[in-house]
C-alpha atoms as a PDB file:
ATOM      1  CA  MET A   1     -17.283   4.966   8.741  1.00  0.00           C
ATOM      2  CA  PRO A   2     -15.337   1.739   9.676  1.00  0.00           C
ATOM      3  CA  ILE A   3     -15.616  -0.153  12.920  1.00  0.00           C
ATOM      4  CA  ILE A   4     -12.412   0.034  14.267  1.00  0.00           C
ATOM      5  CA  LYS A   5     -11.341  -3.159  15.710  1.00  0.00           C
ATOM      6  CA  LYS A   6      -8.312  -4.161  17.687  1.00  0.00           C
ATOM      7  CA  TYR A   7      -6.875  -7.492  16.850  1.00  0.00           C
ATOM      8  CA  ARG A   8      -4.356  -9.788  18.557  1.00  0.00           C
ATOM      9  CA  ALA A   9      -2.465 -11.194  15.740  1.00  0.00           C
ATOM     10  CA  LYS A  10       0.306 -13.606  15.801  1.00  0.00           C
ATOM     11  CA  VAL A  11       3.248 -13.384  13.208  1.00  0.00           C
ATOM     12  CA  VAL A  12       3.270 -16.554  10.822  1.00  0.00           C
ATOM     13  CA  GLU A  13       6.351 -15.688   8.557  1.00  0.00           C
ATOM     14  CA  ILE A  14       8.740 -12.962   8.059  1.00  0.00           C
ATOM     15  CA  LYS A  15      10.268 -12.168   4.976  1.00  0.00           C
ATOM     16  CA  LYS A  16      13.779 -10.495   5.511  1.00  0.00           C
ATOM     17  CA  HIS A  17      14.227  -9.466   1.746  1.00  0.00           C
ATOM     18  CA  PHE A  18      17.127  -7.025   2.881  1.00  0.00           C
ATOM     19  CA  ASP A  19      18.067  -5.152   6.312  1.00  0.00           C
ATOM     20  CA  ASP A  20      15.684  -2.423   5.763  1.00  0.00           C
ATOM     21  CA  LEU A  21      13.013  -4.093   3.910  1.00  0.00           C
ATOM     22  CA  ILE A  22      10.855  -6.753   5.483  1.00  0.00           C
ATOM     23  CA  THR A  23       7.390  -8.583   4.941  1.00  0.00           C
ATOM     24  CA  LEU A  24       5.307  -9.888   7.720  1.00  0.00           C
ATOM     25  CA  SER A  25       2.427 -12.101   7.577  1.00  0.00           C
ATOM     26  CA  LEU A  26       0.095 -12.424  10.348  1.00  0.00           C
ATOM     27  CA  ILE A  27      -3.328 -14.314  11.466  1.00  0.00           C
ATOM     28  CA  SER A  28      -5.508 -13.710  14.045  1.00  0.00           C
ATOM     29  CA  GLU A  29      -8.530 -15.852  15.733  1.00  0.00           C
ATOM     30  CA  LYS A  30     -10.899 -13.017  14.375  1.00  0.00           C
ATOM     31  CA  LYS A  31     -11.149 -12.506  10.456  1.00  0.00           C
ATOM     32  CA  PHE A  32      -9.674  -9.466   9.744  1.00  0.00           C
ATOM     33  CA  ILE A  33     -12.124  -7.251   8.195  1.00  0.00           C
ATOM     34  CA  TYR A  34     -10.705  -4.285   5.706  1.00  0.00           C
ATOM     35  CA  LEU A  35     -11.434  -3.190   2.117  1.00  0.00           C
ATOM     36  CA  PRO A  36      -8.949  -2.509  -0.735  1.00  0.00           C
ATOM     37  CA  GLY A  37      -6.590   0.429   0.081  1.00  0.00           C
ATOM     38  CA  GLN A  38      -7.011   0.724   3.791  1.00  0.00           C
ATOM     39  CA  PHE A  39      -4.460   0.750   6.012  1.00  0.00           C
ATOM     40  CA  LEU A  40      -3.833  -0.135  10.238  1.00  0.00           C
ATOM     41  CA  HIS A  41      -2.183   0.461  13.530  1.00  0.00           C
ATOM     42  CA  LEU A  42       0.561  -1.889  14.737  1.00  0.00           C
ATOM     43  CA  ALA A  43       1.861  -1.937  18.581  1.00  0.00           C
ATOM     44  CA  LEU A  44       4.721  -4.124  19.994  1.00  0.00           C
ATOM     45  CA  ASP A  45       3.804  -3.723  23.000  1.00  0.00           C
ATOM     46  CA  ASP A  46       2.084  -5.503  25.727  1.00  0.00           C
ATOM     47  CA  TYR A  47      -1.985  -4.700  25.731  1.00  0.00           C
ATOM     48  CA  ASP A  48      -4.931  -6.111  27.386  1.00  0.00           C
ATOM     49  CA  GLY A  49      -7.121  -5.197  24.834  1.00  0.00           C
ATOM     50  CA  ILE A  50      -9.296  -2.895  26.889  1.00  0.00           C
ATOM     51  CA  GLY A  51      -7.030   0.276  27.968  1.00  0.00           C
ATOM     52  CA  GLU A  52      -5.155   2.850  26.477  1.00  0.00           C
ATOM     53  CA  TRP A  53      -3.735   2.224  22.882  1.00  0.00           C
ATOM     54  CA  PRO A  54       0.212   1.301  23.232  1.00  0.00           C
ATOM     55  CA  GLU A  55       2.821   3.803  21.084  1.00  0.00           C
ATOM     56  CA  SER A  56       1.883   2.276  17.414  1.00  0.00           C
ATOM     57  CA  ARG A  57       2.780   2.894  13.758  1.00  0.00           C
ATOM     58  CA  CYS A  58       0.918   2.820  10.624  1.00  0.00           C
ATOM     59  CA  PHE A  59       1.008   0.487   7.895  1.00  0.00           C
ATOM     60  CA  SER A  60      -0.902  -0.057   4.606  1.00  0.00           C
ATOM     61  CA  ILE A  61      -2.496  -3.294   4.177  1.00  0.00           C
ATOM     62  CA  GLN A  62      -0.912  -5.332   1.316  1.00  0.00           C
ATOM     63  CA  SER A  63      -3.481  -8.563   1.292  1.00  0.00           C
ATOM     64  CA  SER A  64      -6.625  -8.691  -0.333  1.00  0.00           C
ATOM     65  CA  PRO A  65      -9.491  -8.591   1.968  1.00  0.00           C
ATOM     66  CA  ASP A  66     -10.223 -12.323   1.020  1.00  0.00           C
ATOM     67  CA  GLU A  67      -6.966 -13.789   2.249  1.00  0.00           C
ATOM     68  CA  LYS A  68      -6.872 -15.243   5.789  1.00  0.00           C
ATOM     69  CA  GLU A  69      -3.241 -14.058   6.675  1.00  0.00           C
ATOM     70  CA  LEU A  70      -2.896 -10.349   6.608  1.00  0.00           C
ATOM     71  CA  LYS A  71       0.160  -8.778   5.213  1.00  0.00           C
ATOM     72  CA  ILE A  72       2.465  -5.874   5.169  1.00  0.00           C
ATOM     73  CA  THR A  73       5.805  -4.660   4.078  1.00  0.00           C
ATOM     74  CA  PHE A  74       7.837  -2.139   5.428  1.00  0.00           C
ATOM     75  CA  SER A  75      10.843  -0.184   4.772  1.00  0.00           C
ATOM     76  CA  VAL A  76      12.973   0.162   8.211  1.00  0.00           C
ATOM     77  CA  LYS A  77      13.846   3.582   8.397  1.00  0.00           C
ATOM     78  CA  GLY A  78      12.863   5.146  11.642  1.00  0.00           C
ATOM     79  CA  ASN A  79      13.195   4.069  15.564  1.00  0.00           C
ATOM     80  CA  TYR A  80       9.817   2.198  15.506  1.00  0.00           C
ATOM     81  CA  THR A  81      10.752   0.430  12.687  1.00  0.00           C
ATOM     82  CA  LYS A  82      14.419  -0.418  13.215  1.00  0.00           C
ATOM     83  CA  ARG A  83      12.747  -1.583  16.833  1.00  0.00           C
ATOM     84  CA  MET A  84       9.736  -4.099  14.851  1.00  0.00           C
ATOM     85  CA  ARG A  85      13.031  -5.348  12.710  1.00  0.00           C
ATOM     86  CA  GLU A  86      14.957  -6.369  16.375  1.00  0.00           C
ATOM     87  CA  GLU A  87      11.856  -7.378  18.358  1.00  0.00           C
ATOM     88  CA  ILE A  88       9.702  -9.292  15.804  1.00  0.00           C
ATOM     89  CA  GLN A  89      10.168 -13.058  15.893  1.00  0.00           C
ATOM     90  CA  LEU A  90       8.099 -15.763  14.485  1.00  0.00           C
ATOM     91  CA  ASN A  91       5.322 -16.647  16.407  1.00  0.00           C
ATOM     92  CA  LYS A  92       5.369 -13.140  18.385  1.00  0.00           C
ATOM     93  CA  PHE A  93       1.731 -11.628  19.123  1.00  0.00           C
ATOM     94  CA  VAL A  94       1.569  -8.129  18.332  1.00  0.00           C
ATOM     95  CA  TRP A  95      -1.768  -5.774  18.335  1.00  0.00           C
ATOM     96  CA  LEU A  96      -3.228  -4.536  15.234  1.00  0.00           C
ATOM     97  CA  LYS A  97      -6.008  -1.974  14.892  1.00  0.00           C
ATOM     98  CA  LEU A  98      -8.158  -1.224  11.809  1.00  0.00           C
ATOM     99  CA  PRO A  99      -9.082  -0.783   9.709  1.00  0.00           C
ATOM    100  CA  TYR A 100      -8.507   3.151   8.538  1.00  0.00           C
ATOM    101  CA  GLY A 101      -8.712   5.128   5.237  1.00  0.00           C
ATOM    102  CA  ASP A 102     -11.117   5.078   2.298  1.00  0.00           C
ATOM    103  CA  MET A 103      -8.417   5.607  -0.902  1.00  0.00           C
ATOM    104  CA  PHE A 104     -10.837   3.399  -3.000  1.00  0.00           C
ATOM    105  CA  GLN A 105     -13.902   4.253  -1.220  1.00  0.00           C
ATOM    106  CA  ARG A 106     -14.648   7.815  -2.567  1.00  0.00           C
ATOM    107  CA  ASN A 107     -16.785   8.866  -6.094  1.00  0.00           C
ATOM    108  CA  TYR A 108     -14.264   8.388  -8.871  1.00  0.00           C
ATOM    109  CA  LEU A 109     -14.935   7.330 -12.042  1.00  0.00           C
ATOM    110  CA  LYS A 110     -13.567   3.524 -12.842  1.00  0.00           C
ATOM    111  CA  GLU A 111     -12.439   3.817 -16.669  1.00  0.00           C
ATOM    112  CA  ASN A 112      -8.518   5.133 -17.673  1.00  0.00           C
ATOM    113  CA  CYS A 113      -7.469   5.266 -13.593  1.00  0.00           C
ATOM    114  CA  VAL A 114      -3.583   5.981 -13.226  1.00  0.00           C
ATOM    115  CA  PHE A 115      -1.736   4.056 -10.209  1.00  0.00           C
ATOM    116  CA  ILE A 116       1.777   5.827  -9.557  1.00  0.00           C
ATOM    117  CA  ALA A 117       3.673   4.045  -6.642  1.00  0.00           C
ATOM    118  CA  GLY A 118       7.269   4.155  -5.758  1.00  0.00           C
ATOM    119  CA  GLY A 119       8.779   1.281  -3.677  1.00  0.00           C
ATOM    120  CA  THR A 120       6.737  -0.168  -0.855  1.00  0.00           C
ATOM    121  CA  GLY A 121       4.050   2.480  -1.913  1.00  0.00           C
ATOM    122  CA  VAL A 122       2.805  -0.039  -4.145  1.00  0.00           C
ATOM    123  CA  THR A 123       1.392  -2.432  -1.112  1.00  0.00           C
ATOM    124  CA  PRO A 124      -2.014  -0.410  -1.115  1.00  0.00           C
ATOM    125  CA  PHE A 125      -2.571  -0.499  -4.528  1.00  0.00           C
ATOM    126  CA  LEU A 126      -1.971  -4.670  -4.097  1.00  0.00           C
ATOM    127  CA  SER A 127      -4.536  -5.186  -1.979  1.00  0.00           C
ATOM    128  CA  LEU A 128      -6.937  -3.737  -4.586  1.00  0.00           C
ATOM    129  CA  PHE A 129      -5.255  -5.264  -7.804  1.00  0.00           C
ATOM    130  CA  ASN A 130      -5.700  -8.799  -6.095  1.00  0.00           C
ATOM    131  CA  HIS A 131      -9.307  -8.099  -5.300  1.00  0.00           C
ATOM    132  CA  ASN A 132     -12.138  -9.196  -7.426  1.00  0.00           C
ATOM    133  CA  SER A 133     -13.481  -5.553  -7.514  1.00  0.00           C
ATOM    134  CA  PHE A 134     -10.514  -4.804  -9.593  1.00  0.00           C
ATOM    135  CA  TYR A 135     -12.361  -6.090 -12.573  1.00  0.00           C
ATOM    136  CA  GLU A 136     -14.479  -3.441 -12.409  1.00  0.00           C
ATOM    137  CA  PHE A 137     -11.702  -0.731 -13.686  1.00  0.00           C
ATOM    138  CA  GLN A 138     -11.550  -0.195 -17.752  1.00  0.00           C
ATOM    139  CA  LYS A 139      -8.012   0.209 -19.098  1.00  0.00           C
ATOM    140  CA  PRO A 140      -5.995   1.244 -15.644  1.00  0.00           C
ATOM    141  CA  LYS A 141      -2.662   2.317 -15.975  1.00  0.00           C
ATOM    142  CA  ILE A 142       0.020   1.341 -13.412  1.00  0.00           C
ATOM    143  CA  TYR A 143       3.054   2.903 -13.293  1.00  0.00           C
ATOM    144  CA  LEU A 144       5.669   1.343 -10.368  1.00  0.00           C
ATOM    145  CA  GLY A 145       9.222   2.505  -9.302  1.00  0.00           C
ATOM    146  CA  PHE A 146      11.695   0.675  -7.545  1.00  0.00           C
ATOM    147  CA  ARG A 147      15.507   1.058  -6.377  1.00  0.00           C
ATOM    148  CA  ASN A 148      16.686  -1.724  -8.663  1.00  0.00           C
ATOM    149  CA  LYS A 149      15.087  -4.940  -9.872  1.00  0.00           C
ATOM    150  CA  ASN A 150      16.220  -7.008  -6.423  1.00  0.00           C
ATOM    151  CA  TYR A 151      13.926  -4.378  -4.504  1.00  0.00           C
ATOM    152  CA  ASN A 152      10.669  -5.566  -6.467  1.00  0.00           C
ATOM    153  CA  VAL A 153       9.747  -8.171  -4.195  1.00  0.00           C
ATOM    154  CA  PHE A 154       5.738  -8.216  -5.208  1.00  0.00           C
ATOM    155  CA  GLU A 155       6.340 -10.056  -8.363  1.00  0.00           C
ATOM    156  CA  ILE A 156       3.272 -13.048  -7.106  1.00  0.00           C
ATOM    157  CA  GLU A 157       1.062 -10.165  -6.355  1.00  0.00           C
ATOM    158  CA  LEU A 158       1.958  -8.349  -9.805  1.00  0.00           C
ATOM    159  CA  GLY A 159       1.365 -11.680 -11.629  1.00  0.00           C
ATOM    160  CA  ASN A 160      -1.974 -11.899  -9.893  1.00  0.00           C
ATOM    161  CA  ILE A 161      -3.463  -9.041 -10.566  1.00  0.00           C
ATOM    162  CA  LYS A 162      -7.441  -9.129 -11.455  1.00  0.00           C
ATOM    163  CA  ASN A 163      -8.017  -7.500 -14.405  1.00  0.00           C
ATOM    164  CA  TYR A 164      -8.314  -8.390 -18.196  1.00  0.00           C
ATOM    165  CA  ASN A 165      -7.359  -5.139 -19.554  1.00  0.00           C
ATOM    166  CA  TYR A 166      -5.036  -2.947 -17.581  1.00  0.00           C
ATOM    167  CA  GLU A 167      -1.322  -1.950 -18.841  1.00  0.00           C
ATOM    168  CA  MET A 168       1.883  -1.764 -16.327  1.00  0.00           C
ATOM    169  CA  LYS A 169       4.915  -0.548 -16.795  1.00  0.00           C
ATOM    170  CA  ILE A 170       7.988  -0.718 -14.444  1.00  0.00           C
ATOM    171  CA  PHE A 171      11.135   1.474 -13.738  1.00  0.00           C
ATOM    172  CA  TYR A 172      13.808   0.556 -12.236  1.00  0.00           C
ATOM    173  CA  GLU A 173      16.115   3.591 -11.065  1.00  0.00           C
ATOM    174  CA  ASP A 174      19.536   2.193 -11.661  1.00  0.00           C
ATOM    175  CA  LEU A 175      17.949   1.175 -14.977  1.00  0.00           C
ATOM    176  CA  HIS A 176      15.576   3.385 -16.158  1.00  0.00           C
ATOM    177  CA  GLY A 177      15.680   6.765 -13.221  1.00  0.00           C
ATOM    178  CA  ASN A 178      12.830   7.805 -11.414  1.00  0.00           C
ATOM    179  CA  LEU A 179       9.069   7.928 -12.029  1.00  0.00           C
ATOM    180  CA  ASN A 180       8.132  10.835 -14.160  1.00  0.00           C
ATOM    181  CA  ILE A 181       4.894  12.520 -13.381  1.00  0.00           C
ATOM    182  CA  GLU A 182       5.046  14.470 -16.739  1.00  0.00           C
ATOM    183  CA  SER A 183       5.852  11.771 -18.806  1.00  0.00           C
ATOM    184  CA  ILE A 184       3.250   9.441 -17.226  1.00  0.00           C
ATOM    185  CA  PHE A 185       0.704  12.543 -17.706  1.00  0.00           C
ATOM    186  CA  ARG A 186       1.703  12.947 -21.426  1.00  0.00           C
ATOM    187  CA  GLU A 187       0.885   9.351 -21.622  1.00  0.00           C
ATOM    188  CA  ASN A 188      -2.381   9.481 -20.227  1.00  0.00           C
ATOM    189  CA  PRO A 189      -3.914  13.015 -21.468  1.00  0.00           C
ATOM    190  CA  GLN A 190      -7.800  11.597 -20.996  1.00  0.00           C
ATOM    191  CA  SER A 191      -7.505   9.988 -17.651  1.00  0.00           C
ATOM    192  CA  LYS A 192      -9.036  12.062 -14.839  1.00  0.00           C
ATOM    193  CA  THR A 193      -8.621  10.191 -11.685  1.00  0.00           C
ATOM    194  CA  TYR A 194      -4.935   9.284 -10.595  1.00  0.00           C
ATOM    195  CA  PHE A 195      -3.884   7.104  -7.526  1.00  0.00           C
ATOM    196  CA  ILE A 196      -0.071   8.271  -6.246  1.00  0.00           C
ATOM    197  CA  SER A 197       1.554   6.394  -3.245  1.00  0.00           C
ATOM    198  CA  GLY A 198       4.972   6.171  -2.194  1.00  0.00           C
ATOM    199  CA  PRO A 199       7.517   8.872  -0.220  1.00  0.00           C
ATOM    200  CA  PRO A 200       5.888  11.720   1.017  1.00  0.00           C
ATOM    201  CA  LEU A 201       8.266  14.198  -1.361  1.00  0.00           C
ATOM    202  CA  MET A 202       7.143  11.966  -4.481  1.00  0.00           C
ATOM    203  CA  ILE A 203       3.166  12.289  -3.088  1.00  0.00           C
ATOM    204  CA  LYS A 204       3.729  16.291  -2.826  1.00  0.00           C
ATOM    205  CA  ASN A 205       5.505  16.972  -6.044  1.00  0.00           C
ATOM    206  CA  PHE A 206       3.437  14.590  -8.184  1.00  0.00           C
ATOM    207  CA  LYS A 207       0.249  16.189  -6.988  1.00  0.00           C
ATOM    208  CA  ASN A 208       0.955  19.679  -7.061  1.00  0.00           C
ATOM    209  CA  PHE A 209       2.518  18.861 -10.538  1.00  0.00           C
ATOM    210  CA  LEU A 210      -1.328  17.514 -11.629  1.00  0.00           C
ATOM    211  CA  ILE A 211      -3.165  20.059  -9.839  1.00  0.00           C
ATOM    212  CA  ASN A 212      -1.113  23.035 -11.669  1.00  0.00           C
ATOM    213  CA  ILE A 213      -2.026  21.594 -14.978  1.00  0.00           C
ATOM    214  CA  GLY A 214      -5.632  21.489 -14.227  1.00  0.00           C
ATOM    215  CA  ILE A 215      -6.332  17.749 -12.744  1.00  0.00           C
ATOM    216  CA  ASN A 216      -9.291  18.509 -10.284  1.00  0.00           C
ATOM    217  CA  GLN A 217      -7.794  17.874  -6.755  1.00  0.00           C
ATOM    218  CA  ASN A 218     -10.455  15.529  -6.083  1.00  0.00           C
ATOM    219  CA  CYS A 219      -9.323  13.621  -8.711  1.00  0.00           C
ATOM    220  CA  ILE A 220      -5.914  12.961  -7.026  1.00  0.00           C
ATOM    221  CA  ILE A 221      -6.185  10.403  -4.637  1.00  0.00           C
ATOM    222  CA  THR A 222      -3.363   9.489  -2.512  1.00  0.00           C
ATOM    223  CA  ASP A 223      -1.880   7.329   0.189  1.00  0.00           C
ATOM    224  CA  ASP A 224      -0.185   9.927   2.477  1.00  0.00           C
ATOM    225  CA  TRP A 225      -1.910   9.121   6.251  1.00  0.00           C
ATOM    226  CA  GLU A 226       1.927   9.801   7.282  1.00  0.00           C
END
């Protein structure tokens, strides 16, 4: 089990790509310790570091564990993320608690893995794609879906994938329609491990499809901590 630590972190960069899509970069006096694919709790309220943990929300960690700055990208959907959009400013301090999750630490074959992400669901994948451990994967296939090209704000990270033999397809809803799990499966009949991340309904539908066609449920790994 990972050791959960609390970090007082300072916001050093805010990228408001759109009113509903924001990236934060944070630093702390302590080195952030986590593994690819893990997530954190972020709290806005004052905290003494000892008492009862304040209200918080979970976010997938986008940055590689090798990076000094920790990065998250979030869509503004509920009350908490609306509050984050309004209250978080440059140099503001927030509290983080991490790491959680074991998305890429389970037992699975690293051959012909399929990675499927919708929207900001790509963020936990990026923490792996930009880490040296991704070189261990043989012939991974990557399928990403975004609302439109402007919402693909991850081009720098996607241009630095640490693997020599991956294949990637990007779908823009306004041009290509939504990601289609049936088509993805037909393109990867030999694949045994699927990683799925994105909106809860997408994860549910994709997972159910794969189970119904005979993929072992243990070989379908999802980022659905919400």
